[in-house]
């Protein structure tokens, strides 16, 4: 069993909780309240700006040139391609601006940025993997349950359940497996810990949107 298989096994309960949470169920059915989706898109847009910078930082620290290029491309996709999707949603769902980082988004991006800055590059790579892998699994889950015709969130579903995103996810998994294989048992364990923490934050990110969780 390689590192990614072991890591995914450690978050199976978290992933099950994610696909059963009201946010995902209502998103799949197309019944999610507009205000909750607005909150989610605005926070996700802010998140992706920082996520893209984190990916670029990891790329600059990668030992292998091809891995460095891959993370730079991931960063470009996060900042440019996905941001364009969000801009279309800003118009469609009447979102005037992104607002400020709310508590869970703030915590998530600072976890990723501090991990990228102060941990080994292998641990940093593992911390970013749930944002790829869980989104792909959730996208596939929704696609298999959804009638896409006239679905209000069709663009979101097609992005994360699509083939192009799937190729990026497989690449990110492959890079993490290679990094784990070529490092020490201690760093492999820290990679898994970072992977689990980021997976928990994925759950909390969606829950925060459903609860409209803002600063006091």
C-alpha atoms as a PDB file:
ATOM      1  CA  UNK A   1       0.000   0.000   0.000  1.00  0.00           C
ATOM      2  CA  UNK A   2       1.505   3.340  -1.030  1.00  0.00           C
ATOM      3  CA  UNK A   3       1.405   6.580   0.984  1.00  0.00           C
ATOM      4  CA  UNK A   4      -1.694   8.041  -0.656  1.00  0.00           C
ATOM      5  CA  UNK A   5      -3.724   4.872  -0.098  1.00  0.00           C
ATOM      6  CA  UNK A   6      -2.772   4.882   3.577  1.00  0.00           C
ATOM      7  CA  UNK A   7      -3.515   8.608   3.843  1.00  0.00           C
ATOM      8  CA  UNK A   8      -6.944   8.276   2.227  1.00  0.00           C
ATOM      9  CA  UNK A   9      -7.833   5.386   4.521  1.00  0.00           C
ATOM     10  CA  UNK A  10      -7.095   7.662   7.482  1.00  0.00           C
ATOM     11  CA  UNK A  11      -9.722  10.199   6.325  1.00  0.00           C
ATOM     12  CA  UNK A  12     -12.478   7.884   5.102  1.00  0.00           C
ATOM     13  CA  UNK A  13     -14.720   8.897   8.011  1.00  0.00           C
ATOM     14  CA  UNK A  14     -14.108  12.591   7.302  1.00  0.00           C
ATOM     15  CA  UNK A  15     -14.917  12.107   3.620  1.00  0.00           C
ATOM     16  CA  UNK A  16     -18.108  10.212   4.461  1.00  0.00           C
ATOM     17  CA  UNK A  17     -19.136  13.058   6.758  1.00  0.00           C
ATOM     18  CA  UNK A  18     -18.490  15.506   3.907  1.00  0.00           C
ATOM     19  CA  UNK A  19     -20.682  13.787   1.321  1.00  0.00           C
ATOM     20  CA  UNK A  20     -23.456  13.373   3.897  1.00  0.00           C
ATOM     21  CA  UNK A  21     -23.409  16.973   5.107  1.00  0.00           C
ATOM     22  CA  UNK A  22     -26.406  19.168   4.208  1.00  0.00           C
ATOM     23  CA  UNK A  23     -24.289  21.569   2.145  1.00  0.00           C
ATOM     24  CA  UNK A  24     -23.176  18.827  -0.256  1.00  0.00           C
ATOM     25  CA  UNK A  25     -26.550  17.084  -0.353  1.00  0.00           C
ATOM     26  CA  UNK A  26     -28.389  20.327  -1.144  1.00  0.00           C
ATOM     27  CA  UNK A  27     -25.724  21.416  -3.634  1.00  0.00           C
ATOM     28  CA  UNK A  28     -26.188  18.074  -5.396  1.00  0.00           C
ATOM     29  CA  UNK A  29     -29.973  18.457  -5.449  1.00  0.00           C
ATOM     30  CA  UNK A  30     -29.774  22.088  -6.571  1.00  0.00           C
ATOM     31  CA  UNK A  31     -31.709  23.202  -3.492  1.00  0.00           C
ATOM     32  CA  UNK A  32     -28.905  24.955  -1.608  1.00  0.00           C
ATOM     33  CA  UNK A  33     -30.001  28.413  -0.472  1.00  0.00           C
ATOM     34  CA  UNK A  34     -28.627  31.226  -2.610  1.00  0.00           C
ATOM     35  CA  UNK A  35     -27.185  33.054   0.410  1.00  0.00           C
ATOM     36  CA  UNK A  36     -25.177  29.995   1.435  1.00  0.00           C
ATOM     37  CA  UNK A  37     -23.777  29.488  -2.044  1.00  0.00           C
ATOM     38  CA  UNK A  38     -22.916  33.189  -2.243  1.00  0.00           C
ATOM     39  CA  UNK A  39     -21.012  32.906   1.038  1.00  0.00           C
ATOM     40  CA  UNK A  40     -19.216  29.794  -0.196  1.00  0.00           C
ATOM     41  CA  UNK A  41     -18.175  31.273  -3.555  1.00  0.00           C
ATOM     42  CA  UNK A  42     -16.934  34.530  -2.008  1.00  0.00           C
ATOM     43  CA  UNK A  43     -14.868  32.688   0.605  1.00  0.00           C
ATOM     44  CA  UNK A  44     -13.607  30.158  -1.925  1.00  0.00           C
ATOM     45  CA  UNK A  45     -12.485  32.961  -4.212  1.00  0.00           C
ATOM     46  CA  UNK A  46     -10.457  34.443  -1.360  1.00  0.00           C
ATOM     47  CA  UNK A  47      -9.141  31.006  -0.471  1.00  0.00           C
ATOM     48  CA  UNK A  48      -7.956  30.306  -4.024  1.00  0.00           C
ATOM     49  CA  UNK A  49      -5.866  33.481  -4.138  1.00  0.00           C
ATOM     50  CA  UNK A  50      -3.881  32.271  -1.146  1.00  0.00           C
ATOM     51  CA  UNK A  51      -3.959  28.628  -2.212  1.00  0.00           C
ATOM     52  CA  UNK A  52      -2.416  29.588  -5.545  1.00  0.00           C
ATOM     53  CA  UNK A  53       0.386  31.482  -3.821  1.00  0.00           C
ATOM     54  CA  UNK A  54       0.971  28.523  -1.516  1.00  0.00           C
ATOM     55  CA  UNK A  55       1.236  26.155  -4.490  1.00  0.00           C
ATOM     56  CA  UNK A  56       3.720  28.503  -6.163  1.00  0.00           C
ATOM     57  CA  UNK A  57       5.829  28.599  -2.987  1.00  0.00           C
ATOM     58  CA  UNK A  58       5.842  24.808  -2.831  1.00  0.00           C
ATOM     59  CA  UNK A  59       6.842  24.694  -6.483  1.00  0.00           C
ATOM     60  CA  UNK A  60       9.795  26.955  -5.753  1.00  0.00           C
ATOM     61  CA  UNK A  61      10.965  24.541  -3.037  1.00  0.00           C
ATOM     62  CA  UNK A  62      10.395  21.268  -4.921  1.00  0.00           C
ATOM     63  CA  UNK A  63      13.538  19.189  -5.453  1.00  0.00           C
ATOM     64  CA  UNK A  64      12.484  17.792  -8.819  1.00  0.00           C
ATOM     65  CA  UNK A  65      12.167  20.235 -11.733  1.00  0.00           C
ATOM     66  CA  UNK A  66       9.096  18.512 -13.161  1.00  0.00           C
ATOM     67  CA  UNK A  67       7.392  18.602  -9.766  1.00  0.00           C
ATOM     68  CA  UNK A  68       8.228  22.291  -9.519  1.00  0.00           C
ATOM     69  CA  UNK A  69       6.636  22.921 -12.911  1.00  0.00           C
ATOM     70  CA  UNK A  70       3.563  20.909 -11.932  1.00  0.00           C
ATOM     71  CA  UNK A  71       3.003  22.957  -8.796  1.00  0.00           C
ATOM     72  CA  UNK A  72       3.497  26.189 -10.719  1.00  0.00           C
ATOM     73  CA  UNK A  73       0.806  25.014 -13.144  1.00  0.00           C
ATOM     74  CA  UNK A  74      -1.446  24.090 -10.229  1.00  0.00           C
ATOM     75  CA  UNK A  75      -0.928  27.611  -8.914  1.00  0.00           C
ATOM     76  CA  UNK A  76      -1.833  29.149 -12.268  1.00  0.00           C
ATOM     77  CA  UNK A  77      -4.985  27.043 -12.446  1.00  0.00           C
ATOM     78  CA  UNK A  78      -6.054  28.060  -8.953  1.00  0.00           C
ATOM     79  CA  UNK A  79      -5.505  31.759  -9.570  1.00  0.00           C
ATOM     80  CA  UNK A  80      -6.605  32.133 -13.187  1.00  0.00           C
ATOM     81  CA  UNK A  81      -8.896  29.324 -14.330  1.00  0.00           C
ATOM     82  CA  UNK A  82     -10.917  28.760 -11.185  1.00  0.00           C
ATOM     83  CA  UNK A  83     -11.070  32.477 -10.434  1.00  0.00           C
ATOM     84  CA  UNK A  84     -12.718  32.962 -13.845  1.00  0.00           C
ATOM     85  CA  UNK A  85     -15.372  30.431 -12.848  1.00  0.00           C
ATOM     86  CA  UNK A  86     -15.981  32.357  -9.653  1.00  0.00           C
ATOM     87  CA  UNK A  87     -16.277  35.638 -11.521  1.00  0.00           C
ATOM     88  CA  UNK A  88     -19.066  34.135 -13.610  1.00  0.00           C
ATOM     89  CA  UNK A  89     -20.805  33.074 -10.415  1.00  0.00           C
ATOM     90  CA  UNK A  90     -20.353  36.555  -8.958  1.00  0.00           C
ATOM     91  CA  UNK A  91     -22.524  37.850 -11.802  1.00  0.00           C
ATOM     92  CA  UNK A  92     -24.991  34.984 -11.840  1.00  0.00           C
ATOM     93  CA  UNK A  93     -25.579  34.974  -8.090  1.00  0.00           C
ATOM     94  CA  UNK A  94     -25.389  38.737  -7.504  1.00  0.00           C
ATOM     95  CA  UNK A  95     -22.204  38.744  -5.410  1.00  0.00           C
ATOM     96  CA  UNK A  96     -20.916  42.303  -5.268  1.00  0.00           C
ATOM     97  CA  UNK A  97     -17.501  41.627  -3.711  1.00  0.00           C
ATOM     98  CA  UNK A  98     -15.485  38.942  -1.961  1.00  0.00           C
ATOM     99  CA  UNK A  99     -15.690  40.531   1.449  1.00  0.00           C
ATOM    100  CA  UNK A 100     -13.171  39.506   4.121  1.00  0.00           C
ATOM    101  CA  UNK A 101     -11.689  36.215   5.198  1.00  0.00           C
ATOM    102  CA  UNK A 102     -14.096  34.640   7.666  1.00  0.00           C
ATOM    103  CA  UNK A 103     -12.876  32.386  10.511  1.00  0.00           C
ATOM    104  CA  UNK A 104     -12.612  28.959   8.864  1.00  0.00           C
ATOM    105  CA  UNK A 105     -11.203  30.253   5.572  1.00  0.00           C
ATOM    106  CA  UNK A 106      -8.736  32.375   7.539  1.00  0.00           C
ATOM    107  CA  UNK A 107      -7.625  29.355   9.570  1.00  0.00           C
ATOM    108  CA  UNK A 108      -7.358  27.073   6.539  1.00  0.00           C
ATOM    109  CA  UNK A 109      -5.200  29.353   4.414  1.00  0.00           C
ATOM    110  CA  UNK A 110      -2.913  30.216   7.313  1.00  0.00           C
ATOM    111  CA  UNK A 111      -2.462  26.519   8.049  1.00  0.00           C
ATOM    112  CA  UNK A 112      -1.449  25.956   4.407  1.00  0.00           C
ATOM    113  CA  UNK A 113       0.814  28.994   4.205  1.00  0.00           C
ATOM    114  CA  UNK A 114       2.596  28.302   7.478  1.00  0.00           C
ATOM    115  CA  UNK A 115       3.041  24.650   6.497  1.00  0.00           C
ATOM    116  CA  UNK A 116       4.510  25.663   3.137  1.00  0.00           C
ATOM    117  CA  UNK A 117       6.814  28.186   4.800  1.00  0.00           C
ATOM    118  CA  UNK A 118       8.074  26.253   7.807  1.00  0.00           C
ATOM    119  CA  UNK A 119       7.611  22.532   7.158  1.00  0.00           C
ATOM    120  CA  UNK A 120       9.476  20.333   4.697  1.00  0.00           C
ATOM    121  CA  UNK A 121       8.312  20.488   1.100  1.00  0.00           C
ATOM    122  CA  UNK A 122       6.949  16.936   1.363  1.00  0.00           C
ATOM    123  CA  UNK A 123       4.669  17.917   4.255  1.00  0.00           C
ATOM    124  CA  UNK A 124       3.571  21.049   2.410  1.00  0.00           C
ATOM    125  CA  UNK A 125       2.634  19.006  -0.657  1.00  0.00           C
ATOM    126  CA  UNK A 126       0.573  16.640   1.479  1.00  0.00           C
ATOM    127  CA  UNK A 127      -1.246  19.561   3.134  1.00  0.00           C
ATOM    128  CA  UNK A 128      -2.492  20.808  -0.248  1.00  0.00           C
ATOM    129  CA  UNK A 129      -3.613  17.387  -1.505  1.00  0.00           C
ATOM    130  CA  UNK A 130      -7.087  17.269   0.126  1.00  0.00           C
ATOM    131  CA  UNK A 131      -8.142  20.391  -1.766  1.00  0.00           C
ATOM    132  CA  UNK A 132      -7.453  18.478  -4.974  1.00  0.00           C
ATOM    133  CA  UNK A 133      -8.494  14.973  -4.030  1.00  0.00           C
ATOM    134  CA  UNK A 134     -11.573  15.585  -1.881  1.00  0.00           C
ATOM    135  CA  UNK A 135     -12.977  18.087  -4.383  1.00  0.00           C
ATOM    136  CA  UNK A 136     -12.545  15.543  -7.176  1.00  0.00           C
ATOM    137  CA  UNK A 137     -14.222  12.790  -5.164  1.00  0.00           C
ATOM    138  CA  UNK A 138     -17.061  15.115  -4.164  1.00  0.00           C
ATOM    139  CA  UNK A 139     -17.452  16.285  -7.774  1.00  0.00           C
ATOM    140  CA  UNK A 140     -17.648  12.686  -8.994  1.00  0.00           C
ATOM    141  CA  UNK A 141     -20.105  11.811  -6.239  1.00  0.00           C
ATOM    142  CA  UNK A 142     -22.397  14.683  -7.201  1.00  0.00           C
ATOM    143  CA  UNK A 143     -22.170  13.990 -10.942  1.00  0.00           C
ATOM    144  CA  UNK A 144     -23.338  10.424 -10.425  1.00  0.00           C
ATOM    145  CA  UNK A 145     -26.351  11.604  -8.432  1.00  0.00           C
ATOM    146  CA  UNK A 146     -27.384  14.679 -10.362  1.00  0.00           C
ATOM    147  CA  UNK A 147     -29.493  15.456 -13.373  1.00  0.00           C
ATOM    148  CA  UNK A 148     -27.276  18.174 -14.830  1.00  0.00           C
ATOM    149  CA  UNK A 149     -29.815  19.702 -17.191  1.00  0.00           C
ATOM    150  CA  UNK A 150     -30.796  23.163 -15.887  1.00  0.00           C
ATOM    151  CA  UNK A 151     -28.964  22.489 -12.628  1.00  0.00           C
ATOM    152  CA  UNK A 152     -28.208  25.835 -10.903  1.00  0.00           C
ATOM    153  CA  UNK A 153     -24.676  24.715  -9.998  1.00  0.00           C
ATOM    154  CA  UNK A 154     -23.847  22.924 -13.240  1.00  0.00           C
ATOM    155  CA  UNK A 155     -20.597  24.816 -13.896  1.00  0.00           C
ATOM    156  CA  UNK A 156     -19.243  24.010 -10.443  1.00  0.00           C
ATOM    157  CA  UNK A 157     -20.125  20.340 -10.820  1.00  0.00           C
ATOM    158  CA  UNK A 158     -18.539  20.055 -14.266  1.00  0.00           C
ATOM    159  CA  UNK A 159     -15.341  21.756 -13.096  1.00  0.00           C
ATOM    160  CA  UNK A 160     -14.649  19.443 -10.190  1.00  0.00           C
ATOM    161  CA  UNK A 161     -16.117  16.317 -11.731  1.00  0.00           C
ATOM    162  CA  UNK A 162     -14.414  16.954 -15.058  1.00  0.00           C
ATOM    163  CA  UNK A 163     -11.607  15.075 -16.782  1.00  0.00           C
ATOM    164  CA  UNK A 164      -9.121  17.970 -16.820  1.00  0.00           C
ATOM    165  CA  UNK A 165      -9.325  18.474 -13.070  1.00  0.00           C
ATOM    166  CA  UNK A 166      -9.077  14.717 -12.612  1.00  0.00           C
ATOM    167  CA  UNK A 167      -5.733  14.683 -14.439  1.00  0.00           C
ATOM    168  CA  UNK A 168      -4.385  17.381 -12.130  1.00  0.00           C
ATOM    169  CA  UNK A 169      -5.540  15.413  -9.085  1.00  0.00           C
ATOM    170  CA  UNK A 170      -3.813  12.235 -10.289  1.00  0.00           C
ATOM    171  CA  UNK A 171      -0.623  14.234 -10.839  1.00  0.00           C
ATOM    172  CA  UNK A 172      -0.764  15.724  -7.342  1.00  0.00           C
ATOM    173  CA  UNK A 173      -1.307  12.261  -5.821  1.00  0.00           C
ATOM    174  CA  UNK A 174       1.603  10.847  -7.820  1.00  0.00           C
ATOM    175  CA  UNK A 175       3.927  13.636  -6.681  1.00  0.00           C
ATOM    176  CA  UNK A 176       3.003  13.058  -3.035  1.00  0.00           C
ATOM    177  CA  UNK A 177       3.573   9.307  -3.366  1.00  0.00           C
ATOM    178  CA  UNK A 178       7.004   9.897  -4.854  1.00  0.00           C
ATOM    179  CA  UNK A 179       7.867  12.425  -2.158  1.00  0.00           C
ATOM    180  CA  UNK A 180       6.780  10.016   0.579  1.00  0.00           C
ATOM    181  CA  UNK A 181       8.734   7.149  -0.939  1.00  0.00           C
ATOM    182  CA  UNK A 182      11.938   9.190  -0.987  1.00  0.00           C
ATOM    183  CA  UNK A 183      11.799  10.628   2.522  1.00  0.00           C
ATOM    184  CA  UNK A 184      12.047   9.424   6.115  1.00  0.00           C
ATOM    185  CA  UNK A 185       9.379   7.614   8.167  1.00  0.00           C
ATOM    186  CA  UNK A 186       9.095  10.682  10.409  1.00  0.00           C
ATOM    187  CA  UNK A 187       8.330  13.003   7.501  1.00  0.00           C
ATOM    188  CA  UNK A 188       5.887  10.467   6.034  1.00  0.00           C
ATOM    189  CA  UNK A 189       3.994  10.550   9.326  1.00  0.00           C
ATOM    190  CA  UNK A 190       4.002  14.352   9.312  1.00  0.00           C
ATOM    191  CA  UNK A 191       2.726  14.260   5.741  1.00  0.00           C
ATOM    192  CA  UNK A 192      -0.212  12.131   6.872  1.00  0.00           C
ATOM    193  CA  UNK A 193      -0.918  14.425   9.829  1.00  0.00           C
ATOM    194  CA  UNK A 194      -0.987  17.454   7.513  1.00  0.00           C
ATOM    195  CA  UNK A 195      -3.243  15.580   5.092  1.00  0.00           C
ATOM    196  CA  UNK A 196      -5.689  14.744   7.889  1.00  0.00           C
ATOM    197  CA  UNK A 197      -5.716  18.313   9.231  1.00  0.00           C
ATOM    198  CA  UNK A 198      -6.419  19.776   5.785  1.00  0.00           C
ATOM    199  CA  UNK A 199      -9.197  17.216   5.252  1.00  0.00           C
ATOM    200  CA  UNK A 200     -10.851  18.313   8.495  1.00  0.00           C
ATOM    201  CA  UNK A 201     -10.605  21.903   7.310  1.00  0.00           C
ATOM    202  CA  UNK A 202     -12.291  20.956   4.025  1.00  0.00           C
ATOM    203  CA  UNK A 203     -15.268  19.722   6.031  1.00  0.00           C
ATOM    204  CA  UNK A 204     -15.288  22.844   8.179  1.00  0.00           C
ATOM    205  CA  UNK A 205     -15.059  25.113   5.111  1.00  0.00           C
ATOM    206  CA  UNK A 206     -18.319  23.760   3.694  1.00  0.00           C
ATOM    207  CA  UNK A 207     -19.958  23.679   7.121  1.00  0.00           C
ATOM    208  CA  UNK A 208     -19.024  27.323   7.654  1.00  0.00           C
ATOM    209  CA  UNK A 209     -20.788  28.244   4.411  1.00  0.00           C
ATOM    210  CA  UNK A 210     -23.893  26.322   5.416  1.00  0.00           C
ATOM    211  CA  UNK A 211     -23.917  27.994   8.847  1.00  0.00           C
ATOM    212  CA  UNK A 212     -22.889  31.419   7.453  1.00  0.00           C
ATOM    213  CA  UNK A 213     -20.134  31.430  10.053  1.00  0.00           C
ATOM    214  CA  UNK A 214     -18.633  34.926  10.434  1.00  0.00           C
ATOM    215  CA  UNK A 215     -16.466  36.738  12.968  1.00  0.00           C
ATOM    216  CA  UNK A 216     -18.220  37.823  16.134  1.00  0.00           C
END
